[in-house]
C-alpha atoms as a PDB file:
ATOM      1  CA  MET A   1      -6.250 -16.337 -24.594  1.00  0.00           C
ATOM      2  CA  PHE A   2      -2.851 -14.854 -25.303  1.00  0.00           C
ATOM      3  CA  PRO A   3       0.596 -16.260 -24.494  1.00  0.00           C
ATOM      4  CA  VAL A   4       2.518 -13.976 -22.152  1.00  0.00           C
ATOM      5  CA  GLY A   5       5.684 -14.168 -24.227  1.00  0.00           C
ATOM      6  CA  ASP A   6       3.991 -12.397 -27.162  1.00  0.00           C
ATOM      7  CA  LEU A   7       3.269  -9.261 -25.141  1.00  0.00           C
ATOM      8  CA  HIS A   8       5.763  -6.451 -24.497  1.00  0.00           C
ATOM      9  CA  PRO A   9       6.415  -5.727 -20.772  1.00  0.00           C
ATOM     10  CA  ALA A  10       5.251  -2.123 -21.167  1.00  0.00           C
ATOM     11  CA  LEU A  11       2.014  -3.330 -22.765  1.00  0.00           C
ATOM     12  CA  LEU A  12       1.462  -5.825 -19.941  1.00  0.00           C
ATOM     13  CA  PHE A  13       1.942  -3.031 -17.414  1.00  0.00           C
ATOM     14  CA  PHE A  14      -0.531  -0.810 -19.280  1.00  0.00           C
ATOM     15  CA  ILE A  15      -3.124  -3.592 -19.588  1.00  0.00           C
ATOM     16  CA  ASN A  16      -3.004  -4.273 -15.850  1.00  0.00           C
ATOM     17  CA  MET A  17      -3.150  -0.580 -14.970  1.00  0.00           C
ATOM     18  CA  LEU A  18      -6.122  -0.037 -17.294  1.00  0.00           C
ATOM     19  CA  LEU A  19      -7.884  -3.063 -15.831  1.00  0.00           C
ATOM     20  CA  GLY A  20      -7.369  -1.685 -12.320  1.00  0.00           C
ATOM     21  CA  MET A  21      -8.845   1.659 -13.400  1.00  0.00           C
ATOM     22  CA  LEU A  22     -11.930   0.161 -15.058  1.00  0.00           C
ATOM     23  CA  LEU A  23     -12.706  -2.176 -12.177  1.00  0.00           C
ATOM     24  CA  THR A  24     -12.363   0.625  -9.636  1.00  0.00           C
ATOM     25  CA  LEU A  25     -14.881   2.689 -11.591  1.00  0.00           C
ATOM     26  CA  LEU A  26     -17.307  -0.223 -11.391  1.00  0.00           C
ATOM     27  CA  ILE A  27     -16.654  -1.367  -7.811  1.00  0.00           C
ATOM     28  CA  THR A  28     -16.291   1.892  -5.869  1.00  0.00           C
ATOM     29  CA  PRO A  29     -19.841   3.375  -6.155  1.00  0.00           C
ATOM     30  CA  PRO A  30     -21.697   0.269  -4.851  1.00  0.00           C
ATOM     31  CA  VAL A  31     -19.091  -0.274  -2.126  1.00  0.00           C
ATOM     32  CA  LEU A  32     -19.467   3.323  -0.934  1.00  0.00           C
ATOM     33  CA  LYS A  33     -23.241   2.936  -0.923  1.00  0.00           C
ATOM     34  CA  MET A  34     -22.895  -0.256   1.133  1.00  0.00           C
ATOM     35  CA  VAL A  35     -20.610   1.442   3.690  1.00  0.00           C
ATOM     36  CA  ARG A  36     -22.965   4.435   3.968  1.00  0.00           C
ATOM     37  CA  GLN A  37     -25.967   2.174   4.547  1.00  0.00           C
ATOM     38  CA  ALA A  38     -24.000   0.329   7.237  1.00  0.00           C
ATOM     39  CA  GLY A  39     -23.473   3.678   8.951  1.00  0.00           C
ATOM     40  CA  PHE A  40     -19.711   3.267   9.222  1.00  0.00           C
ATOM     41  CA  ARG A  41     -18.516   6.859   9.158  1.00  0.00           C
ATOM     42  CA  ARG A  42     -15.658   8.687  10.823  1.00  0.00           C
ATOM     43  CA  ALA A  43     -14.846  12.362  11.266  1.00  0.00           C
ATOM     44  CA  ASN A  44     -12.080  13.598   8.977  1.00  0.00           C
ATOM     45  CA  PHE A  45      -9.634  16.388   9.846  1.00  0.00           C
ATOM     46  CA  LYS A  46     -12.410  18.969   9.284  1.00  0.00           C
ATOM     47  CA  GLY A  47     -14.831  17.088  11.504  1.00  0.00           C
ATOM     48  CA  ASP A  48     -17.044  15.974   8.614  1.00  0.00           C
ATOM     49  CA  LEU A  49     -18.471  12.462   8.903  1.00  0.00           C
ATOM     50  CA  ILE A  50     -17.645  10.436   5.788  1.00  0.00           C
ATOM     51  CA  PRO A  51     -17.553   6.707   4.894  1.00  0.00           C
ATOM     52  CA  ALA A  52     -14.441   5.166   6.455  1.00  0.00           C
ATOM     53  CA  GLY A  53     -12.275   2.120   5.941  1.00  0.00           C
ATOM     54  CA  VAL A  54     -13.241   1.709   2.279  1.00  0.00           C
ATOM     55  CA  GLY A  55      -9.665   0.902   1.269  1.00  0.00           C
ATOM     56  CA  PHE A  56     -10.613  -2.772   1.059  1.00  0.00           C
ATOM     57  CA  ILE A  57     -11.664  -1.748  -2.468  1.00  0.00           C
ATOM     58  CA  PHE A  58      -8.034  -2.282  -3.543  1.00  0.00           C
ATOM     59  CA  LEU A  59      -8.251  -5.924  -2.471  1.00  0.00           C
ATOM     60  CA  LEU A  60     -11.553  -6.413  -4.323  1.00  0.00           C
ATOM     61  CA  VAL A  61     -10.093  -4.837  -7.456  1.00  0.00           C
ATOM     62  CA  PHE A  62      -6.940  -6.946  -7.308  1.00  0.00           C
ATOM     63  CA  LEU A  63      -8.889 -10.155  -6.708  1.00  0.00           C
ATOM     64  CA  THR A  64     -11.163  -9.484  -9.676  1.00  0.00           C
ATOM     65  CA  ALA A  65      -8.392  -8.233 -11.966  1.00  0.00           C
ATOM     66  CA  SER A  66      -6.023 -11.092 -11.202  1.00  0.00           C
ATOM     67  CA  THR A  67      -8.815 -13.598 -11.932  1.00  0.00           C
ATOM     68  CA  LEU A  68      -9.420 -11.939 -15.303  1.00  0.00           C
ATOM     69  CA  ASP A  69      -5.670 -11.936 -15.939  1.00  0.00           C
ATOM     70  CA  TYR A  70      -5.533 -15.683 -15.443  1.00  0.00           C
ATOM     71  CA  LEU A  71      -8.494 -16.173 -17.781  1.00  0.00           C
ATOM     72  CA  LEU A  72      -7.302 -13.873 -20.573  1.00  0.00           C
ATOM     73  CA  VAL A  73      -3.509 -14.032 -20.280  1.00  0.00           C
ATOM     74  CA  PRO A  74      -2.574 -17.348 -18.617  1.00  0.00           C
ATOM     75  CA  GLY A  75       0.558 -17.118 -16.480  1.00  0.00           C
ATOM     76  CA  LEU A  76       0.692 -13.321 -16.535  1.00  0.00           C
ATOM     77  CA  LEU A  77       0.879 -12.799 -12.785  1.00  0.00           C
ATOM     78  CA  GLY A  78       1.897 -16.374 -11.990  1.00  0.00           C
ATOM     79  CA  TYR A  79       3.360 -17.295  -8.623  1.00  0.00           C
ATOM     80  CA  THR A  80       4.078 -13.649  -7.773  1.00  0.00           C
ATOM     81  CA  GLY A  81       0.432 -12.713  -8.167  1.00  0.00           C
ATOM     82  CA  ILE A  82      -0.802 -15.456  -5.824  1.00  0.00           C
ATOM     83  CA  VAL A  83       1.682 -14.501  -3.096  1.00  0.00           C
ATOM     84  CA  PHE A  84       0.796 -10.855  -3.524  1.00  0.00           C
ATOM     85  CA  LEU A  85      -2.938 -11.581  -3.303  1.00  0.00           C
ATOM     86  CA  MET A  86      -2.391 -13.515  -0.076  1.00  0.00           C
ATOM     87  CA  GLY A  87      -0.401 -10.664   1.428  1.00  0.00           C
ATOM     88  CA  LEU A  88      -2.921  -8.064   0.314  1.00  0.00           C
ATOM     89  CA  ALA A  89      -5.775 -10.019   1.893  1.00  0.00           C
ATOM     90  CA  VAL A  90      -3.975 -10.374   5.231  1.00  0.00           C
ATOM     91  CA  ILE A  91      -2.829  -6.770   5.526  1.00  0.00           C
ATOM     92  CA  THR A  92      -6.254  -5.449   4.448  1.00  0.00           C
ATOM     93  CA  LEU A  93      -7.909  -7.549   7.169  1.00  0.00           C
ATOM     94  CA  LEU A  94      -5.479  -6.275   9.813  1.00  0.00           C
ATOM     95  CA  GLY A  95      -6.082  -2.701   8.706  1.00  0.00           C
ATOM     96  CA  LEU A  96      -9.845  -3.170   8.674  1.00  0.00           C
ATOM     97  CA  LEU A  97      -9.726  -4.498  12.242  1.00  0.00           C
ATOM     98  CA  ASP A  98      -7.956  -1.285  13.234  1.00  0.00           C
ATOM     99  CA  ASP A  99     -10.540   0.813  11.362  1.00  0.00           C
ATOM    100  CA  LEU A 100     -13.437  -0.982  13.042  1.00  0.00           C
ATOM    101  CA  PHE A 101     -12.146  -1.513  16.572  1.00  0.00           C
ATOM    102  CA  GLY A 102      -9.127   0.747  16.939  1.00  0.00           C
ATOM    103  CA  SER A 103      -8.878   3.407  19.623  1.00  0.00           C
ATOM    104  CA  ARG A 104      -7.270   6.764  18.906  1.00  0.00           C
ATOM    105  CA  ALA A 105      -6.153   7.028  22.540  1.00  0.00           C
ATOM    106  CA  VAL A 106      -2.847   5.417  21.530  1.00  0.00           C
ATOM    107  CA  SER A 107      -1.016   6.431  18.353  1.00  0.00           C
ATOM    108  CA  GLY A 108       2.290   5.802  16.615  1.00  0.00           C
ATOM    109  CA  LEU A 109       4.378   2.644  16.648  1.00  0.00           C
ATOM    110  CA  LYS A 110       6.118   3.746  19.820  1.00  0.00           C
ATOM    111  CA  GLY A 111       2.808   4.287  21.599  1.00  0.00           C
ATOM    112  CA  HIS A 112       1.360   0.941  20.541  1.00  0.00           C
ATOM    113  CA  PHE A 113       4.428  -1.014  21.601  1.00  0.00           C
ATOM    114  CA  LYS A 114       4.626   0.837  24.928  1.00  0.00           C
ATOM    115  CA  ALA A 115       1.054  -0.271  25.565  1.00  0.00           C
ATOM    116  CA  LEU A 116       1.938  -3.819  24.523  1.00  0.00           C
ATOM    117  CA  PHE A 117       4.868  -3.966  26.940  1.00  0.00           C
ATOM    118  CA  LYS A 118       2.447  -2.946  29.666  1.00  0.00           C
ATOM    119  CA  GLY A 119       0.252  -5.919  28.812  1.00  0.00           C
ATOM    120  CA  LYS A 120      -2.323  -4.071  26.688  1.00  0.00           C
ATOM    121  CA  LEU A 121      -2.782  -5.320  23.121  1.00  0.00           C
ATOM    122  CA  THR A 122      -4.007  -2.567  20.790  1.00  0.00           C
ATOM    123  CA  THR A 123      -5.213  -3.011  17.228  1.00  0.00           C
ATOM    124  CA  GLY A 124      -2.247  -0.912  16.149  1.00  0.00           C
ATOM    125  CA  ALA A 125       0.201  -3.303  17.797  1.00  0.00           C
ATOM    126  CA  LEU A 126      -1.670  -6.276  16.348  1.00  0.00           C
ATOM    127  CA  LYS A 127      -1.400  -4.685  12.910  1.00  0.00           C
ATOM    128  CA  ALA A 128       2.317  -4.001  13.336  1.00  0.00           C
ATOM    129  CA  LEU A 129       3.090  -7.518  14.576  1.00  0.00           C
ATOM    130  CA  GLY A 130       0.953  -9.108  11.876  1.00  0.00           C
ATOM    131  CA  GLY A 131       2.531  -6.918   9.218  1.00  0.00           C
ATOM    132  CA  GLY A 132       6.011  -7.885  10.384  1.00  0.00           C
ATOM    133  CA  LEU A 133       5.209 -11.594  10.287  1.00  0.00           C
ATOM    134  CA  LEU A 134       3.651 -11.150   6.858  1.00  0.00           C
ATOM    135  CA  ALA A 135       6.805  -9.408   5.612  1.00  0.00           C
ATOM    136  CA  VAL A 136       8.910 -12.335   6.843  1.00  0.00           C
ATOM    137  CA  LEU A 137       6.613 -14.899   5.211  1.00  0.00           C
ATOM    138  CA  ILE A 138       6.481 -13.074   1.871  1.00  0.00           C
ATOM    139  CA  THR A 139      10.253 -12.695   1.865  1.00  0.00           C
ATOM    140  CA  LEU A 140      10.794 -16.397   2.577  1.00  0.00           C
ATOM    141  CA  ILE A 141       8.264 -17.474  -0.058  1.00  0.00           C
ATOM    142  CA  GLY A 142       9.503 -15.112  -2.727  1.00  0.00           C
ATOM    143  CA  CYS A 143      13.229 -15.384  -2.029  1.00  0.00           C
ATOM    144  CA  ARG A 144      15.138 -16.011  -5.236  1.00  0.00           C
ATOM    145  CA  LEU A 145      18.436 -14.403  -4.260  1.00  0.00           C
ATOM    146  CA  GLU A 146      21.348 -15.908  -6.158  1.00  0.00           C
ATOM    147  CA  LEU A 147      23.963 -14.598  -3.747  1.00  0.00           C
ATOM    148  CA  ALA A 148      26.504 -15.988  -1.314  1.00  0.00           C
ATOM    149  CA  PRO A 149      24.798 -17.128   1.946  1.00  0.00           C
ATOM    150  CA  PRO A 150      25.908 -14.179   4.148  1.00  0.00           C
ATOM    151  CA  VAL A 151      24.923 -11.604   1.530  1.00  0.00           C
ATOM    152  CA  ALA A 152      21.658 -13.419   0.820  1.00  0.00           C
ATOM    153  CA  ALA A 153      20.771 -13.333   4.519  1.00  0.00           C
ATOM    154  CA  ILE A 154      21.431  -9.589   4.648  1.00  0.00           C
ATOM    155  CA  MET A 155      19.307  -8.936   1.563  1.00  0.00           C
ATOM    156  CA  MET A 156      16.487 -11.019   3.018  1.00  0.00           C
ATOM    157  CA  LEU A 157      16.579  -8.799   6.106  1.00  0.00           C
ATOM    158  CA  VAL A 158      16.578  -5.747   3.822  1.00  0.00           C
ATOM    159  CA  ASN A 159      13.467  -7.066   2.037  1.00  0.00           C
ATOM    160  CA  ILE A 160      11.684  -7.692   5.346  1.00  0.00           C
ATOM    161  CA  LEU A 161      12.457  -4.162   6.543  1.00  0.00           C
ATOM    162  CA  ILE A 162      11.411  -2.620   3.221  1.00  0.00           C
ATOM    163  CA  ILE A 163       8.034  -4.345   3.265  1.00  0.00           C
ATOM    164  CA  THR A 164       7.384  -3.600   6.951  1.00  0.00           C
ATOM    165  CA  LEU A 165       8.459   0.048   6.819  1.00  0.00           C
ATOM    166  CA  SER A 166       6.637   0.671   3.514  1.00  0.00           C
ATOM    167  CA  ILE A 167       3.370  -0.460   5.108  1.00  0.00           C
ATOM    168  CA  ASN A 168       3.800   2.003   7.963  1.00  0.00           C
ATOM    169  CA  ALA A 169       5.122   4.812   5.728  1.00  0.00           C
ATOM    170  CA  ILE A 170       1.933   5.052   3.668  1.00  0.00           C
ATOM    171  CA  ASN A 171      -0.069   4.815   6.888  1.00  0.00           C
ATOM    172  CA  LEU A 172       1.837   7.835   8.237  1.00  0.00           C
ATOM    173  CA  LEU A 173       0.862   9.811   5.138  1.00  0.00           C
ATOM    174  CA  ASP A 174      -2.850   9.093   5.528  1.00  0.00           C
ATOM    175  CA  LEU A 175      -3.706  12.204   7.538  1.00  0.00           C
ATOM    176  CA  ARG A 176      -5.244  14.374   4.813  1.00  0.00           C
ATOM    177  CA  PRO A 177      -7.412  13.597   1.767  1.00  0.00           C
ATOM    178  CA  GLY A 178      -5.355  12.233  -1.110  1.00  0.00           C
ATOM    179  CA  ARG A 179      -2.000  12.396   0.642  1.00  0.00           C
ATOM    180  CA  ALA A 180      -1.511   8.638   0.956  1.00  0.00           C
ATOM    181  CA  GLY A 181      -2.590   8.118  -2.665  1.00  0.00           C
ATOM    182  CA  LYS A 182      -0.210  10.779  -3.952  1.00  0.00           C
ATOM    183  CA  GLY A 183       2.654   9.330  -1.934  1.00  0.00           C
ATOM    184  CA  PHE A 184       1.867   5.881  -3.290  1.00  0.00           C
ATOM    185  CA  LEU A 185       1.827   7.112  -6.905  1.00  0.00           C
ATOM    186  CA  LEU A 186       5.156   8.896  -6.497  1.00  0.00           C
ATOM    187  CA  LEU A 187       6.801   5.786  -5.053  1.00  0.00           C
ATOM    188  CA  ALA A 188       5.130   3.551  -7.652  1.00  0.00           C
ATOM    189  CA  LEU A 189       6.530   5.702 -10.461  1.00  0.00           C
ATOM    190  CA  THR A 190      10.017   5.648  -8.937  1.00  0.00           C
ATOM    191  CA  ILE A 191      10.014   1.866  -8.461  1.00  0.00           C
ATOM    192  CA  THR A 192       8.678   1.295 -11.988  1.00  0.00           C
ATOM    193  CA  VAL A 193      11.469   3.434 -13.482  1.00  0.00           C
ATOM    194  CA  PHE A 194      14.197   1.582 -11.579  1.00  0.00           C
ATOM    195  CA  SER A 195      12.694  -1.889 -11.940  1.00  0.00           C
ATOM    196  CA  GLY A 196      13.977  -2.407 -15.471  1.00  0.00           C
ATOM    197  CA  GLY A 197      10.653  -3.832 -16.648  1.00  0.00           C
ATOM    198  CA  ALA A 198      10.624  -6.732 -14.187  1.00  0.00           C
ATOM    199  CA  SER A 199       7.444  -8.821 -14.351  1.00  0.00           C
ATOM    200  CA  SER A 200       7.167  -8.627 -10.550  1.00  0.00           C
ATOM    201  CA  ILE A 201       5.847  -5.043 -10.824  1.00  0.00           C
ATOM    202  CA  LEU A 202       2.688  -6.152 -12.656  1.00  0.00           C
ATOM    203  CA  PRO A 203       0.703  -6.333  -9.367  1.00  0.00           C
ATOM    204  CA  LEU A 204       1.890  -2.768  -8.762  1.00  0.00           C
ATOM    205  CA  ALA A 205       0.359  -1.780 -12.121  1.00  0.00           C
ATOM    206  CA  LEU A 206      -3.059  -3.124 -11.082  1.00  0.00           C
ATOM    207  CA  VAL A 207      -3.094  -1.221  -7.800  1.00  0.00           C
ATOM    208  CA  THR A 208      -1.680   1.933  -9.418  1.00  0.00           C
ATOM    209  CA  GLY A 209      -4.569   1.981 -11.877  1.00  0.00           C
ATOM    210  CA  SER A 210      -6.999   1.525  -9.016  1.00  0.00           C
ATOM    211  CA  VAL A 211      -5.479   4.400  -7.025  1.00  0.00           C
ATOM    212  CA  LEU A 212      -5.526   6.740 -10.036  1.00  0.00           C
ATOM    213  CA  VAL A 213      -9.308   6.378 -10.242  1.00  0.00           C
ATOM    214  CA  TYR A 214     -10.122   6.083  -6.526  1.00  0.00           C
ATOM    215  CA  LEU A 215      -8.085   9.212  -5.726  1.00  0.00           C
ATOM    216  CA  TRP A 216     -10.955  11.452  -6.879  1.00  0.00           C
ATOM    217  CA  TRP A 217     -13.269  10.168  -4.108  1.00  0.00           C
ATOM    218  CA  ASP A 218     -10.478  10.569  -1.573  1.00  0.00           C
ATOM    219  CA  LEU A 219      -9.487  14.084  -2.623  1.00  0.00           C
ATOM    220  CA  LYS A 220     -13.097  15.259  -2.560  1.00  0.00           C
ATOM    221  CA  ALA A 221     -13.523  13.775   0.948  1.00  0.00           C
ATOM    222  CA  ARG A 222     -16.237  11.400  -0.275  1.00  0.00           C
ATOM    223  CA  ALA A 223     -14.521   8.475   1.445  1.00  0.00           C
ATOM    224  CA  MET A 224     -11.525   7.537   3.606  1.00  0.00           C
ATOM    225  CA  ILE A 225      -9.324   4.575   2.710  1.00  0.00           C
ATOM    226  CA  GLY A 226      -8.499   4.028   6.386  1.00  0.00           C
ATOM    227  CA  ASP A 227      -5.831   1.628   7.558  1.00  0.00           C
ATOM    228  CA  ALA A 228      -7.341  -1.084   5.357  1.00  0.00           C
ATOM    229  CA  GLY A 229      -6.360   0.970   2.322  1.00  0.00           C
ATOM    230  CA  SER A 230      -3.151   2.648   3.468  1.00  0.00           C
ATOM    231  CA  ASN A 231      -1.715  -0.677   4.641  1.00  0.00           C
ATOM    232  CA  ALA A 232      -2.650  -2.318   1.337  1.00  0.00           C
ATOM    233  CA  LEU A 233      -0.932   0.461  -0.599  1.00  0.00           C
ATOM    234  CA  GLY A 234       2.149   0.260   1.622  1.00  0.00           C
ATOM    235  CA  LEU A 235       2.402  -3.502   1.178  1.00  0.00           C
ATOM    236  CA  THR A 236       2.086  -3.091  -2.592  1.00  0.00           C
ATOM    237  CA  ILE A 237       4.990  -0.650  -2.648  1.00  0.00           C
ATOM    238  CA  GLY A 238       7.047  -2.797  -0.294  1.00  0.00           C
ATOM    239  CA  ILE A 239       6.666  -6.014  -2.288  1.00  0.00           C
ATOM    240  CA  ALA A 240       7.302  -4.246  -5.594  1.00  0.00           C
ATOM    241  CA  ALA A 241      10.500  -2.692  -4.242  1.00  0.00           C
ATOM    242  CA  ALA A 242      11.698  -5.900  -2.575  1.00  0.00           C
ATOM    243  CA  TRP A 243      11.092  -8.078  -5.631  1.00  0.00           C
ATOM    244  CA  SER A 244      11.981  -5.786  -8.536  1.00  0.00           C
ATOM    245  CA  LEU A 245      14.816  -3.466  -7.468  1.00  0.00           C
ATOM    246  CA  ASP A 246      18.499  -4.338  -7.657  1.00  0.00           C
ATOM    247  CA  GLU A 247      20.603  -4.289  -4.500  1.00  0.00           C
ATOM    248  CA  VAL A 248      21.845  -0.663  -4.670  1.00  0.00           C
ATOM    249  CA  PRO A 249      18.472   1.045  -5.346  1.00  0.00           C
ATOM    250  CA  LYS A 250      16.928  -1.248  -2.767  1.00  0.00           C
ATOM    251  CA  LEU A 251      19.403  -0.150  -0.092  1.00  0.00           C
ATOM    252  CA  ILE A 252      18.865   3.510  -1.025  1.00  0.00           C
ATOM    253  CA  TYR A 253      15.107   3.051  -0.660  1.00  0.00           C
ATOM    254  CA  LEU A 254      15.547   1.358   2.725  1.00  0.00           C
ATOM    255  CA  LEU A 255      17.702   4.273   3.903  1.00  0.00           C
ATOM    256  CA  PHE A 256      14.970   6.672   2.778  1.00  0.00           C
ATOM    257  CA  LEU A 257      12.362   4.702   4.751  1.00  0.00           C
ATOM    258  CA  ILE A 258      14.480   4.715   7.909  1.00  0.00           C
ATOM    259  CA  LEU A 259      15.130   8.457   7.677  1.00  0.00           C
ATOM    260  CA  PHE A 260      11.451   9.113   6.958  1.00  0.00           C
ATOM    261  CA  HIS A 261      10.385   7.210  10.081  1.00  0.00           C
ATOM    262  CA  LEU A 262      12.979   8.960  12.238  1.00  0.00           C
ATOM    263  CA  PHE A 263      11.828  12.313  10.883  1.00  0.00           C
ATOM    264  CA  THR A 264       8.133  11.653  11.538  1.00  0.00           C
ATOM    265  CA  GLU A 265       8.871  10.506  15.082  1.00  0.00           C
ATOM    266  CA  LYS A 266      10.358  13.935  15.810  1.00  0.00           C
ATOM    267  CA  TYR A 267       8.309  16.281  13.617  1.00  0.00           C
ATOM    268  CA  SER A 268       4.700  16.622  12.507  1.00  0.00           C
ATOM    269  CA  LEU A 269       4.545  15.860   8.790  1.00  0.00           C
ATOM    270  CA  THR A 270       1.418  17.984   8.361  1.00  0.00           C
ATOM    271  CA  THR A 271       3.094  20.985  10.010  1.00  0.00           C
ATOM    272  CA  VAL A 272       6.240  20.620   7.902  1.00  0.00           C
ATOM    273  CA  ILE A 273       4.215  20.390   4.680  1.00  0.00           C
ATOM    274  CA  ALA A 274       2.129  23.444   5.603  1.00  0.00           C
ATOM    275  CA  LYS A 275       5.301  25.541   6.078  1.00  0.00           C
ATOM    276  CA  HIS A 276       6.677  24.798   2.588  1.00  0.00           C
ATOM    277  CA  LYS A 277       4.750  26.397  -0.286  1.00  0.00           C
ATOM    278  CA  PHE A 278       5.574  23.781  -2.927  1.00  0.00           C
ATOM    279  CA  LEU A 279       4.839  20.825  -0.654  1.00  0.00           C
ATOM    280  CA  ASP A 280       1.663  22.502   0.538  1.00  0.00           C
ATOM    281  CA  TYR A 281       0.610  23.085  -3.082  1.00  0.00           C
ATOM    282  CA  LEU A 282       1.159  19.424  -3.976  1.00  0.00           C
ATOM    283  CA  ASP A 283      -0.617  18.304  -0.824  1.00  0.00           C
ATOM    284  CA  LYS A 284      -3.731  20.391  -1.583  1.00  0.00           C
ATOM    285  CA  LEU A 285      -3.726  19.757  -5.341  1.00  0.00           C
ATOM    286  CA  GLY A 286      -7.111  18.350  -6.400  1.00  0.00           C
ATOM    287  CA  ARG A 287      -8.572  18.619  -2.913  1.00  0.00           C
ATOM    288  CA  GLY A 288     -11.886  20.304  -2.376  1.00  0.00           C
END
């Protein structure tokens, strides 16, 4: 066992990322075999039937990795890790319910809430409501804002919105192989750079390592992460941003999320990407 204080923050980040990578290599093949044997397959954008909803792998990896962290480096993830694990479990379950029982007759937040107001509960609305409540709970549990009461209340609202909108943002990206994973990695890199080495990004390191390895299966259309995976990735980004960024970068990120959601309500993201050579190149990179 090693005391946390003896390890450099960058080394801690690397250890967690490496652990996430190694565990994903071990866990993914048997999980994919299990899903195939269960016959749970969905048609992708090409119409090919491939294993779906396998994004619960990120939860399995985090559960295993965080247990090993506690055994090898006591106190590494601490209170933050437990709260994060709880949130990851809840949002993965909500996403998996949508993967298993969801209907594609209704889509988009607007569509799901229109159905809800008409008295019809969809799995998408259930996921959105559950995700919102989860964002509130995580914010209340993890609130350590040393600010004046009015400002603290505003920043708590900012954190809730960041977590909620981050969950849906990654979900909106999950329309082509690898797109959600690439979006996650770009946001993870940005948050890590602006976090100043905060220990609260260590859970992000675990999931980042997992995504780096899992992305191959996704890009090659061997599996779909589904809502179980995209929601887990979105929650990871949301918590990392809410807990590690200072006020100004946090507000900038929230503005980006709001503009992104407004944009995707009006335009097709896939169409926009296809019309721009550089974006289209990045989107198709590694796919095949």
